[in-house]
Structure formats: C-alpha cells, structure tokens
Amino acid sequence: MTSTVDGRRERGDRTRRHAARTAARLATVQGLDSITVGALAEATGASKSGLLTVFGNREEILLAAVAEARSLYVEHVIRPAWVEPSGAPRLRALLDRWVGYLHDEVFPGGCFVATTSAEFGHREGRVADAVRDLKREWIGVLERELSAAGVPDPAEAAFRIDAYLVAANTRRELFGDDAALDTGRRLALAVVPAGVAGAGETSTEP
C-alpha cells in the first residue's frame, strides 16, 4: 500500500514540476494570465482533470509557474554568481549570468521577470503578489551587492541596472537584436565605478 501511495505521489510531483515549468515558459511568449488549464494540458500531454487533481485550480498553476521561474532564475543567474566575493565581482558575475540565461533561452520569450512585471502592473491578487515579490527579490539582490561594492545610493543604482536590463530584453525580443544584451550589460556595469568596487566574503549560498 505504501509503495502504491509513494508511486502516485512521485508521479504527481513529476506532473507538477513539468506543468509548472511548461507554464513558466509559455508565460514569456503568451503571457502568464493567458494560460488556461486546457492550453497547459495540450502543451504537456496531461489531461485537464489530471492537472486539476495535482494543482486544484488555475490560480495554483500560475503560482507554481512563478515559483518554478524563480527556481530557474536562481539556478541560471543567482547561484553561479554567488561563488564570487560580494560587491563588484558578484555584480559582474550576476550580469554575465543574466546575459547567458537569455542567450541560453531558458525561457523562449526572454526574461520571465521582465515579461511578467510588465504584464501584472496594476493587478491585484495572489499571482500579482508573487510576481511583485519575484521582482522585489531581484532588486534586493542588486541593492545588497551595490551596497557591498560601496555605491553611495544602492537603490538608485539598482533602478538604473534593472532599467538597462529590461530595455535590453525588450529590444532583443522585439527586434531580434542580440547585441542589445551586451549593450545592456555594458551600461549596467558602468553604474559601478571602478574606484568603489568593494568586495566582501565569498559565499556559496544564494
């Protein structure tokens, strides 16, 4: 009996993870709020009833998509940069990894954070809150590393870096301009003057 229950749980976990990742990827092309249970069932090969059994309702699917997108962002952008000393070295690594994450097409429609942030402006609810939390978390990472680098106004500097990266993502997706990513990275790096490039301790924890 126990093995049967464990097998069902394992299959359910696999279905959940695959569906959440598929939904996150679709969100960058079609919009997160446009995802329906039927469309996700078609994209994953699962049944609508199977998805609803795993998630409960459509809102939980969208929340799982945001959580999965966060997991992928940490995997591809944050964690690889965290081996560098805090401050300017880690900021450079974060920007390098962000460009790499887009070149690797982790999401087919560009940066999930940038895409959903624009989509969910002025909206309320649990999904909108999750999208805002994801954006705040990324801004918070930038502000902490800018502070460690000795930048006088980390909040303003993080605003500028984020603006350059969002603009680079938009130009790449709208015009197919890969060079925009390198331009965005170069302008973002210029926010940290070489003379204030501090460094703290190295940490392996994002």
Protein backbone atom coordinates (compact mmCIF):
# COMPACT_ATOMS: atom_id res chain seq x y z
CA MET A 1 0.00 0.00 0.00
CA THR A 2 2.79 2.39 0.94
CA SER A 3 4.65 1.79 -2.33
CA THR A 4 1.45 2.49 -4.28
CA VAL A 5 0.91 5.79 -2.45
CA ASP A 6 4.57 6.75 -2.90
CA GLY A 7 4.35 5.96 -6.61
CA ARG A 8 1.31 8.14 -7.04
CA ARG A 9 2.97 10.96 -5.13
CA GLU A 10 6.10 10.68 -7.27
CA ARG A 11 4.05 10.78 -10.48
CA GLY A 12 2.12 13.73 -9.14
CA ASP A 13 5.34 15.57 -8.30
CA ARG A 14 6.70 14.92 -11.79
CA THR A 15 3.49 16.15 -13.38
CA ARG A 16 3.50 19.24 -11.18
CA ARG A 17 7.10 20.14 -11.96
CA HIS A 18 6.73 19.55 -15.69
CA ALA A 19 3.49 21.52 -15.86
CA ALA A 20 4.87 24.41 -13.80
CA ARG A 21 7.98 24.66 -15.97
CA THR A 22 5.92 24.49 -19.16
CA ALA A 23 3.57 27.19 -17.85
CA ALA A 24 6.53 29.42 -16.94
CA ARG A 25 7.99 29.03 -20.42
CA LEU A 26 4.65 29.67 -22.12
CA ALA A 27 4.19 32.78 -19.97
CA THR A 28 7.12 34.55 -21.65
CA VAL A 29 5.53 34.06 -25.07
CA GLN A 30 1.78 34.14 -24.47
CA GLY A 31 1.51 35.94 -21.15
CA LEU A 32 1.12 34.31 -17.76
CA ASP A 33 -2.52 35.28 -17.33
CA SER A 34 -3.45 33.83 -20.73
CA ILE A 35 -2.54 30.30 -19.66
CA THR A 36 -5.57 28.06 -19.30
CA VAL A 37 -5.86 24.54 -17.94
CA GLY A 38 -6.78 23.32 -21.41
CA ALA A 39 -3.83 25.00 -23.11
CA LEU A 40 -1.43 23.65 -20.50
CA ALA A 41 -2.89 20.16 -20.85
CA GLU A 42 -2.30 20.33 -24.58
CA ALA A 43 1.28 21.60 -24.13
CA THR A 44 2.22 18.95 -21.56
CA GLY A 45 0.23 15.98 -22.81
CA ALA A 46 -1.50 15.70 -19.44
CA SER A 47 -5.26 15.64 -19.05
CA LYS A 48 -7.17 18.64 -17.71
CA SER A 49 -8.51 16.51 -14.89
CA GLY A 50 -5.01 15.30 -14.09
CA LEU A 51 -3.70 18.85 -13.84
CA LEU A 52 -6.59 19.91 -11.64
CA THR A 53 -6.00 16.89 -9.43
CA VAL A 54 -2.38 17.96 -8.94
CA PHE A 55 -2.91 21.72 -8.61
CA GLY A 56 -6.50 22.17 -7.56
CA ASN A 57 -7.27 25.19 -9.71
CA ARG A 58 -5.86 27.53 -12.36
CA GLU A 59 -4.56 30.07 -9.85
CA GLU A 60 -2.38 27.42 -8.22
CA ILE A 61 -0.96 26.59 -11.65
CA LEU A 62 0.05 30.21 -12.19
CA LEU A 63 1.57 30.44 -8.72
CA ALA A 64 3.54 27.26 -9.40
CA ALA A 65 4.75 28.76 -12.68
CA VAL A 66 6.11 31.82 -10.85
CA ALA A 67 7.78 29.59 -8.26
CA GLU A 68 9.35 27.46 -10.99
CA ALA A 69 10.54 30.57 -12.83
CA ARG A 70 12.19 31.74 -9.60
CA SER A 71 13.88 28.36 -9.23
CA LEU A 72 15.25 28.59 -12.77
CA TYR A 73 16.42 32.18 -12.21
CA VAL A 74 18.30 31.11 -9.11
CA GLU A 75 19.78 28.13 -10.95
CA HIS A 76 20.97 30.05 -14.00
CA VAL A 77 21.67 33.57 -12.71
CA ILE A 78 22.00 33.80 -8.94
CA ARG A 79 23.70 30.63 -7.74
CA PRO A 80 26.54 30.62 -10.31
CA ALA A 81 27.38 34.22 -9.36
CA TRP A 82 27.35 33.53 -5.63
CA VAL A 83 30.77 31.87 -5.66
CA GLU A 84 32.27 35.32 -6.33
CA PRO A 85 33.09 37.75 -3.49
CA SER A 86 30.22 40.08 -2.65
CA GLY A 87 30.24 43.54 -4.18
CA ALA A 88 31.54 44.40 -7.63
CA PRO A 89 32.86 40.90 -8.50
CA ARG A 90 29.49 39.32 -7.74
CA LEU A 91 27.64 42.08 -9.61
CA ARG A 92 29.74 41.44 -12.71
CA ALA A 93 29.02 37.72 -12.41
CA LEU A 94 25.29 38.37 -11.99
CA LEU A 95 25.23 40.48 -15.14
CA ASP A 96 27.28 37.91 -17.07
CA ARG A 97 24.95 35.14 -15.96
CA TRP A 98 21.84 37.19 -16.78
CA VAL A 99 23.09 37.66 -20.36
CA GLY A 100 23.94 33.96 -20.53
CA TYR A 101 20.50 32.99 -19.27
CA LEU A 102 18.93 34.86 -22.17
CA HIS A 103 21.38 33.56 -24.76
CA ASP A 104 20.67 30.02 -23.49
CA GLU A 105 16.92 30.65 -23.99
CA VAL A 106 15.96 29.24 -20.62
CA PHE A 107 12.63 30.89 -21.46
CA PRO A 108 11.65 31.14 -25.14
CA GLY A 109 10.27 34.67 -24.78
CA GLY A 110 13.11 36.29 -22.88
CA CYS A 111 13.37 37.17 -19.20
CA PHE A 112 10.43 35.88 -17.16
CA VAL A 113 10.88 38.60 -14.53
CA ALA A 114 10.80 41.40 -17.09
CA THR A 115 7.87 39.93 -19.01
CA THR A 116 5.58 39.26 -16.07
CA SER A 117 6.46 42.52 -14.29
CA ALA A 118 5.06 44.46 -17.23
CA GLU A 119 2.05 42.16 -17.58
CA PHE A 120 0.95 42.37 -13.96
CA GLY A 121 1.24 46.12 -13.39
CA HIS A 122 -1.85 47.49 -11.58
CA ARG A 123 -3.20 43.99 -10.94
CA GLU A 124 -4.11 42.54 -7.58
CA GLY A 125 -4.31 39.03 -6.19
CA ARG A 126 -2.01 36.20 -5.20
CA VAL A 127 -0.42 35.78 -8.63
CA ALA A 128 0.28 39.51 -8.95
CA ASP A 129 1.79 39.48 -5.45
CA ALA A 130 4.04 36.55 -6.38
CA VAL A 131 5.22 38.40 -9.50
CA ARG A 132 5.93 41.53 -7.43
CA ASP A 133 7.79 39.50 -4.83
CA LEU A 134 9.99 37.99 -7.53
CA LYS A 135 10.86 41.42 -8.90
CA ARG A 136 11.49 42.82 -5.41
CA GLU A 137 13.77 39.89 -4.62
CA TRP A 138 15.89 40.55 -7.74
CA ILE A 139 16.08 44.29 -6.97
CA GLY A 140 17.03 43.42 -3.40
CA VAL A 141 19.90 41.23 -4.61
CA LEU A 142 21.20 44.09 -6.75
CA GLU A 143 20.88 46.63 -3.93
CA ARG A 144 22.76 44.44 -1.44
CA GLU A 145 25.63 43.83 -3.84
CA LEU A 146 25.77 47.50 -4.83
CA SER A 147 25.92 48.42 -1.16
CA ALA A 148 28.75 45.91 -0.65
CA ALA A 149 30.52 47.47 -3.64
CA GLY A 150 30.45 50.86 -1.89
CA VAL A 151 27.98 52.55 -4.24
CA PRO A 152 26.60 55.64 -2.41
CA ASP A 153 22.93 55.15 -3.45
CA PRO A 154 22.30 51.42 -3.98
CA ALA A 155 18.57 51.87 -4.58
CA GLU A 156 19.09 54.34 -7.43
CA ALA A 157 21.91 52.26 -8.91
CA ALA A 158 19.74 49.12 -8.79
CA PHE A 159 16.96 51.06 -10.54
CA ARG A 160 19.36 52.00 -13.34
CA ILE A 161 20.75 48.49 -13.73
CA ASP A 162 17.28 46.99 -13.83
CA ALA A 163 16.17 49.58 -16.40
CA TYR A 164 19.10 48.76 -18.68
CA LEU A 165 18.43 45.03 -18.45
CA VAL A 166 14.70 45.37 -19.08
CA ALA A 167 15.41 47.61 -22.09
CA ALA A 168 17.94 45.09 -23.41
CA ASN A 169 15.43 42.26 -23.04
CA THR A 170 12.73 44.29 -24.80
CA ARG A 171 14.94 45.21 -27.76
CA ARG A 172 16.11 41.62 -28.17
CA GLU A 173 12.61 40.20 -28.11
CA LEU A 174 11.05 42.94 -30.23
CA PHE A 175 13.76 43.34 -32.85
CA GLY A 176 15.78 40.13 -32.57
CA ASP A 177 18.76 42.25 -31.52
CA ASP A 178 21.17 40.02 -29.58
CA ALA A 179 23.68 42.86 -29.39
CA ALA A 180 21.23 44.68 -27.11
CA LEU A 181 22.11 42.23 -24.33
CA ASP A 182 25.78 43.16 -24.43
CA THR A 183 24.88 46.85 -24.58
CA GLY A 184 22.63 46.47 -21.55
CA ARG A 185 25.36 44.62 -19.66
CA ARG A 186 27.97 47.28 -20.52
CA LEU A 187 25.73 50.14 -19.39
CA ALA A 188 24.76 48.26 -16.23
CA LEU A 189 28.42 47.63 -15.36
CA ALA A 190 29.15 51.33 -15.77
CA VAL A 191 26.81 52.01 -12.84
CA VAL A 192 29.53 50.63 -10.55
CA PRO A 193 32.56 52.97 -10.77
CA ALA A 194 35.83 51.09 -10.67
CA GLY A 195 37.03 53.22 -7.78
CA VAL A 196 34.33 51.99 -5.42
CA ALA A 197 34.43 48.33 -6.39
CA GLY A 198 34.43 46.71 -2.98
CA ALA A 199 34.44 43.03 -2.16
CA GLY A 200 33.22 41.07 0.83
CA GLU A 201 33.39 37.42 1.75
CA THR A 202 32.66 34.65 -0.69
CA SER A 203 29.51 32.66 -0.01
CA THR A 204 28.09 29.59 -1.72
CA GLU A 205 24.54 30.34 -0.56
CA PRO A 206 22.29 32.47 -2.84
